Amino acid sequence: MSASNGTATPRLPRPQEGFSASGEEIASGASIDPADVARFSAQAAEWWDARGPFAPLHRFNPARLKLIRDHAATRFGRDPKARSPFGGLSLIDIGCGGGLLAEPMRRMGFEVTAIDASSENIGTARAHAIQVGLDIRYRAATVEQMEADGAGPFDVVLAMEVIEHVADPEAFIRTCARLVKPGGMLMVMTLNRTLRSLLLGKVAAEYVLRWVPAGTHDWRQFLQPDEMRLMLSGEPLSVHGPYGLAYDPLSDRWSETDDAAVNYMMVALRD
């Protein structure tokens, strides 16, 4: 009751779960590393600037797109050279950032759901998709929230350059695995924890070449392929890889390689 006039004070509606009091989507879950989310949120508006802070990711994107496309084409018996080879298949991009993978995946025919722990990233990604006329289901959420909400399962689950930024990698990757549809696949890309990745993926990338801001990566959070296999043990998955990606400074290009000492991808196929 109001002390001034005896009338009832109107109650404000409680925020819907997953949203702030202002109606903004919020992500929650044990996988969130608040410092990493804040770091990427601060740069959200610059995701699509090919000469901005994400320029190295723009150069990296064609190589990882080809790797994803080729493995998905093999798994589902599709022609990777077709205009829209993955029509009728569903995909979730976990840790989607500004949508640099989600958009080309949609153009390849996938029905795309894309999530990120940063509301700012999702706002940027959603606005850009609208601008270019792509129907992508974006949501500020964690993989734990998606599982709790009964999302999926999906034919393809992507976790690209995100597992090294989460608080509990094993819980994260196991949750990702549970979102894979029978007959589907999980693809995880990250950095190997080797001396070379410390020198190239951390020191050179952050402090010499200035590809990413200092402090973007914690080398101790990089995962070795065998560690990822162990994390997925017990899941109904066959794990393949690693499939390496390497940078050629002479051509300024990334390409697939047998060398997985720095960047690599693992592929897990569900029975």
Protein backbone atom coordinates (compact mmCIF):
# COMPACT_ATOMS: atom_id res chain seq x y z
CA MET A 1 0.00 0.00 0.00
CA SER A 2 1.10 3.57 -0.61
CA ALA A 3 1.80 5.50 2.61
CA SER A 4 0.66 8.77 1.03
CA ASN A 5 -2.86 8.02 -0.15
CA GLY A 6 -3.76 4.48 0.87
CA THR A 7 -4.06 3.25 -2.73
CA ALA A 8 -2.39 0.10 -3.91
CA THR A 9 0.97 0.58 -5.53
CA PRO A 10 0.93 -1.08 -8.97
CA ARG A 11 3.31 -3.97 -9.32
CA LEU A 12 5.75 -4.02 -12.19
CA PRO A 13 5.67 -7.25 -14.17
CA ARG A 14 8.52 -9.61 -13.41
CA PRO A 15 10.99 -9.96 -16.25
CA GLN A 16 10.45 -13.04 -18.40
CA GLU A 17 13.16 -15.62 -17.82
CA GLY A 18 15.97 -14.98 -20.26
CA PHE A 19 15.22 -11.27 -20.48
CA SER A 20 16.24 -8.21 -18.45
CA ALA A 21 13.76 -5.81 -16.88
CA SER A 22 14.07 -3.63 -20.00
CA GLY A 23 13.16 -6.55 -22.26
CA GLU A 24 16.71 -7.19 -23.47
CA GLU A 25 17.73 -10.80 -23.99
CA ILE A 26 20.25 -12.05 -21.46
CA ALA A 27 22.31 -15.22 -21.50
CA SER A 28 22.97 -17.27 -18.40
CA GLY A 29 24.70 -20.52 -17.62
CA ALA A 30 27.74 -22.14 -16.09
CA SER A 31 29.73 -21.89 -19.32
CA ILE A 32 29.86 -18.09 -19.28
CA ASP A 33 33.17 -16.39 -18.60
CA PRO A 34 32.04 -12.81 -17.80
CA ALA A 35 35.40 -11.26 -18.68
CA ASP A 36 35.42 -12.81 -22.14
CA VAL A 37 31.79 -11.85 -22.79
CA ALA A 38 32.54 -8.25 -21.80
CA ARG A 39 35.62 -8.16 -24.02
CA PHE A 40 33.75 -9.24 -27.15
CA SER A 41 30.67 -7.15 -26.29
CA ALA A 42 32.81 -4.01 -26.29
CA GLN A 43 33.70 -4.67 -29.93
CA ALA A 44 30.27 -5.85 -31.09
CA ALA A 45 29.60 -3.02 -33.55
CA GLU A 46 32.81 -3.81 -35.45
CA TRP A 47 32.19 -7.45 -36.38
CA TRP A 48 31.47 -6.69 -40.05
CA ASP A 49 34.30 -4.20 -40.56
CA ALA A 50 36.77 -6.26 -42.61
CA ARG A 51 39.53 -3.78 -41.72
CA GLY A 52 38.64 -3.44 -38.06
CA PRO A 53 39.57 -5.54 -35.01
CA PHE A 54 38.01 -8.65 -36.56
CA ALA A 55 39.99 -8.38 -39.81
CA PRO A 56 42.02 -11.54 -38.99
CA LEU A 57 38.78 -13.47 -38.54
CA HIS A 58 37.56 -12.25 -41.94
CA ARG A 59 40.75 -13.63 -43.50
CA PHE A 60 40.36 -16.87 -41.54
CA ASN A 61 36.69 -17.33 -42.46
CA PRO A 62 37.03 -18.76 -46.02
CA ALA A 63 39.27 -21.61 -44.84
CA ARG A 64 37.03 -22.64 -41.95
CA LEU A 65 33.93 -22.32 -44.14
CA LYS A 66 35.46 -24.72 -46.66
CA LEU A 67 36.38 -27.15 -43.89
CA ILE A 68 32.85 -27.08 -42.48
CA ARG A 69 31.24 -27.36 -45.91
CA ASP A 70 33.37 -30.29 -47.04
CA HIS A 71 32.86 -32.33 -43.86
CA ALA A 72 29.11 -31.66 -43.86
CA ALA A 73 28.86 -32.61 -47.54
CA THR A 74 30.62 -35.91 -46.85
CA ARG A 75 28.44 -36.66 -43.83
CA PHE A 76 25.11 -35.93 -45.54
CA GLY A 77 25.99 -36.98 -49.10
CA ARG A 78 25.55 -33.51 -50.56
CA ASP A 79 27.30 -31.82 -53.49
CA PRO A 80 29.44 -29.05 -51.95
CA LYS A 81 29.49 -27.21 -55.28
CA ALA A 82 25.71 -26.96 -55.48
CA ARG A 83 24.19 -23.53 -54.99
CA SER A 84 22.37 -24.47 -51.78
CA PRO A 85 23.65 -27.93 -50.87
CA PHE A 86 22.26 -28.25 -47.34
CA GLY A 87 18.59 -27.50 -47.84
CA GLY A 88 16.37 -29.33 -45.35
CA LEU A 89 19.10 -29.59 -42.70
CA SER A 90 19.23 -27.70 -39.39
CA LEU A 91 22.30 -26.07 -37.82
CA ILE A 92 23.08 -24.23 -34.61
CA ASP A 93 26.07 -21.90 -34.40
CA ILE A 94 27.13 -21.65 -30.75
CA GLY A 95 29.11 -18.53 -29.88
CA CYS A 96 28.13 -16.94 -33.19
CA GLY A 97 29.58 -13.49 -32.52
CA GLY A 98 28.41 -11.08 -35.20
CA GLY A 99 27.23 -13.81 -37.56
CA LEU A 100 30.30 -14.33 -39.76
CA LEU A 101 29.57 -18.07 -39.98
CA ALA A 102 25.80 -18.05 -39.51
CA GLU A 103 25.18 -16.00 -42.66
CA PRO A 104 27.14 -18.18 -45.11
CA MET A 105 25.67 -21.30 -43.48
CA ARG A 106 22.19 -19.94 -44.20
CA ARG A 107 23.19 -19.18 -47.79
CA MET A 108 24.30 -22.80 -48.13
CA GLY A 109 20.76 -23.87 -47.32
CA PHE A 110 20.86 -24.71 -43.61
CA GLU A 111 18.02 -23.59 -41.36
CA VAL A 112 20.19 -21.64 -38.93
CA THR A 113 19.83 -20.94 -35.23
CA ALA A 114 22.68 -18.86 -33.80
CA ILE A 115 23.37 -18.01 -30.19
CA ASP A 116 25.90 -15.96 -28.25
CA ALA A 117 26.35 -15.03 -24.60
CA SER A 118 26.70 -11.36 -25.59
CA SER A 119 23.46 -9.46 -26.20
CA GLU A 120 25.49 -6.82 -28.04
CA ASN A 121 26.87 -9.41 -30.45
CA ILE A 122 23.39 -10.76 -31.11
CA GLY A 123 22.08 -7.25 -31.77
CA THR A 124 24.80 -6.67 -34.35
CA ALA A 125 24.28 -10.08 -35.97
CA ARG A 126 20.51 -9.71 -36.14
CA ALA A 127 20.69 -6.23 -37.63
CA HIS A 128 23.16 -7.33 -40.31
CA ALA A 129 21.07 -10.38 -41.25
CA ILE A 130 18.01 -8.17 -41.69
CA GLN A 131 20.05 -5.77 -43.79
CA VAL A 132 21.11 -8.52 -46.20
CA GLY A 133 17.76 -10.31 -46.17
CA LEU A 134 18.65 -13.54 -44.35
CA ASP A 135 16.24 -15.30 -41.99
CA ILE A 136 18.42 -16.50 -39.12
CA ARG A 137 17.07 -17.24 -35.65
CA TYR A 138 19.37 -15.27 -33.37
CA ARG A 139 19.19 -15.45 -29.59
CA ALA A 140 21.29 -14.19 -26.69
CA ALA A 141 21.66 -17.46 -24.84
CA THR A 142 24.06 -20.19 -23.77
CA VAL A 143 24.05 -23.78 -24.90
CA GLU A 144 22.74 -24.75 -21.45
CA GLN A 145 19.73 -22.49 -21.92
CA MET A 146 19.03 -23.98 -25.34
CA GLU A 147 19.08 -27.51 -23.95
CA ALA A 148 16.87 -26.53 -21.01
CA ASP A 149 14.38 -24.98 -23.44
CA GLY A 150 14.23 -28.19 -25.47
CA ALA A 151 15.89 -26.73 -28.57
CA GLY A 152 16.93 -29.04 -31.36
CA PRO A 153 18.24 -31.56 -31.91
CA PHE A 154 20.18 -30.24 -34.90
CA ASP A 155 21.81 -31.94 -37.86
CA VAL A 156 24.93 -29.82 -37.36
CA VAL A 157 26.23 -28.23 -34.16
CA LEU A 158 29.05 -25.72 -34.62
CA ALA A 159 31.28 -24.49 -31.80
CA MET A 160 33.93 -22.47 -33.57
CA GLU A 161 36.61 -20.64 -31.55
CA VAL A 162 34.45 -20.62 -28.44
CA ILE A 163 35.41 -23.57 -26.22
CA GLU A 164 38.66 -21.83 -25.21
CA HIS A 165 36.57 -18.96 -23.80
CA VAL A 166 34.13 -20.91 -21.59
CA ALA A 167 34.41 -21.56 -17.87
CA ASP A 168 33.84 -25.34 -18.00
CA PRO A 169 34.95 -26.82 -21.36
CA GLU A 170 33.90 -30.39 -20.59
CA ALA A 171 30.38 -29.47 -19.49
CA PHE A 172 30.12 -27.16 -22.49
CA ILE A 173 31.16 -29.72 -25.13
CA ARG A 174 29.01 -32.46 -23.61
CA THR A 175 26.00 -30.16 -23.74
CA CYS A 176 26.82 -29.36 -27.37
CA ALA A 177 26.97 -33.10 -28.08
CA ARG A 178 23.49 -33.64 -26.62
CA LEU A 179 22.07 -31.16 -29.15
CA VAL A 180 23.22 -33.30 -32.11
CA LYS A 181 20.49 -35.20 -33.93
CA PRO A 182 21.04 -38.96 -34.55
CA GLY A 183 22.99 -39.13 -37.80
CA GLY A 184 24.23 -35.56 -37.28
CA MET A 185 27.57 -34.03 -36.44
CA LEU A 186 29.37 -31.73 -34.04
CA MET A 187 32.29 -29.59 -35.26
CA VAL A 188 34.55 -27.88 -32.74
CA MET A 189 37.38 -25.55 -33.75
CA THR A 190 39.93 -24.23 -31.27
CA LEU A 191 43.63 -23.72 -30.55
CA ASN A 192 45.98 -26.50 -29.49
CA ARG A 193 47.93 -26.11 -26.25
CA THR A 194 51.47 -26.43 -27.59
CA LEU A 195 54.62 -24.38 -27.42
CA ARG A 196 54.02 -23.25 -30.99
CA SER A 197 50.48 -22.09 -30.22
CA LEU A 198 51.84 -20.12 -27.28
CA LEU A 199 54.32 -18.38 -29.57
CA LEU A 200 52.04 -17.93 -32.59
CA GLY A 201 48.45 -18.08 -31.32
CA LYS A 202 49.09 -16.01 -28.21
CA VAL A 203 52.31 -13.95 -28.24
CA ALA A 204 52.60 -13.22 -31.98
CA ALA A 205 48.84 -12.82 -32.63
CA GLU A 206 48.26 -10.51 -29.66
CA TYR A 207 51.51 -8.63 -29.09
CA VAL A 208 53.49 -8.71 -32.36
CA LEU A 209 51.02 -8.83 -35.27
CA ARG A 210 48.23 -7.23 -33.22
CA TRP A 211 45.66 -9.46 -34.90
CA VAL A 212 43.53 -9.52 -31.75
CA PRO A 213 43.57 -7.36 -28.62
CA ALA A 214 46.03 -8.32 -25.90
CA GLY A 215 44.40 -10.64 -23.40
CA THR A 216 41.95 -12.21 -25.89
CA HIS A 217 43.29 -15.70 -25.22
CA ASP A 218 44.51 -17.56 -22.18
CA TRP A 219 46.94 -20.21 -23.43
CA ARG A 220 46.16 -22.36 -20.41
CA GLN A 221 42.59 -22.74 -21.71
CA PHE A 222 43.69 -24.10 -25.10
CA LEU A 223 42.74 -27.77 -25.53
CA GLN A 224 44.71 -30.61 -27.02
CA PRO A 225 42.85 -33.00 -29.35
CA ASP A 226 43.19 -35.96 -26.97
CA GLU A 227 41.68 -33.88 -24.18
CA MET A 228 38.68 -33.16 -26.37
CA ARG A 229 38.32 -36.86 -27.20
CA LEU A 230 38.38 -37.67 -23.49
CA MET A 231 35.73 -35.05 -22.77
CA LEU A 232 33.43 -36.67 -25.34
CA SER A 233 34.04 -40.22 -24.15
CA GLY A 234 30.83 -41.90 -23.10
CA GLU A 235 28.77 -39.91 -25.61
CA PRO A 236 27.31 -41.83 -28.60
CA LEU A 237 29.79 -40.14 -30.93
CA SER A 238 32.74 -41.18 -33.06
CA VAL A 239 35.40 -38.48 -32.87
CA HIS A 240 37.62 -37.70 -35.88
CA GLY A 241 40.53 -35.36 -36.41
CA PRO A 242 42.32 -33.16 -35.72
CA TYR A 243 42.07 -31.25 -39.00
CA GLY A 244 44.58 -28.42 -38.97
CA LEU A 245 44.41 -24.93 -40.42
CA ALA A 246 47.60 -22.97 -41.06
CA TYR A 247 48.40 -19.42 -42.11
CA ASP A 248 50.75 -18.64 -45.01
CA PRO A 249 52.18 -15.12 -44.51
CA LEU A 250 53.37 -14.94 -48.13
CA SER A 251 49.90 -15.39 -49.59
CA ASP A 252 48.09 -13.97 -46.53
CA ARG A 253 45.82 -17.03 -46.65
CA TRP A 254 44.69 -19.83 -44.42
CA SER A 255 44.38 -23.40 -45.69
CA GLU A 256 43.80 -26.94 -44.44
CA THR A 257 46.88 -28.83 -43.32
CA ASP A 258 47.93 -32.01 -41.54
CA ASP A 259 49.64 -29.81 -38.95
CA ALA A 260 47.30 -29.25 -36.00
CA ALA A 261 49.86 -27.72 -33.65
CA VAL A 262 48.09 -24.33 -33.60
CA ASN A 263 44.56 -24.14 -35.07
CA TYR A 264 42.52 -27.30 -35.59
CA MET A 265 39.01 -28.73 -35.84
CA MET A 266 37.55 -31.93 -34.40
CA VAL A 267 34.50 -33.64 -35.92
CA ALA A 268 32.19 -35.86 -33.86
CA LEU A 269 29.57 -37.97 -35.63
CA ARG A 270 26.48 -39.15 -33.77
CA ASP A 271 25.34 -42.73 -34.28
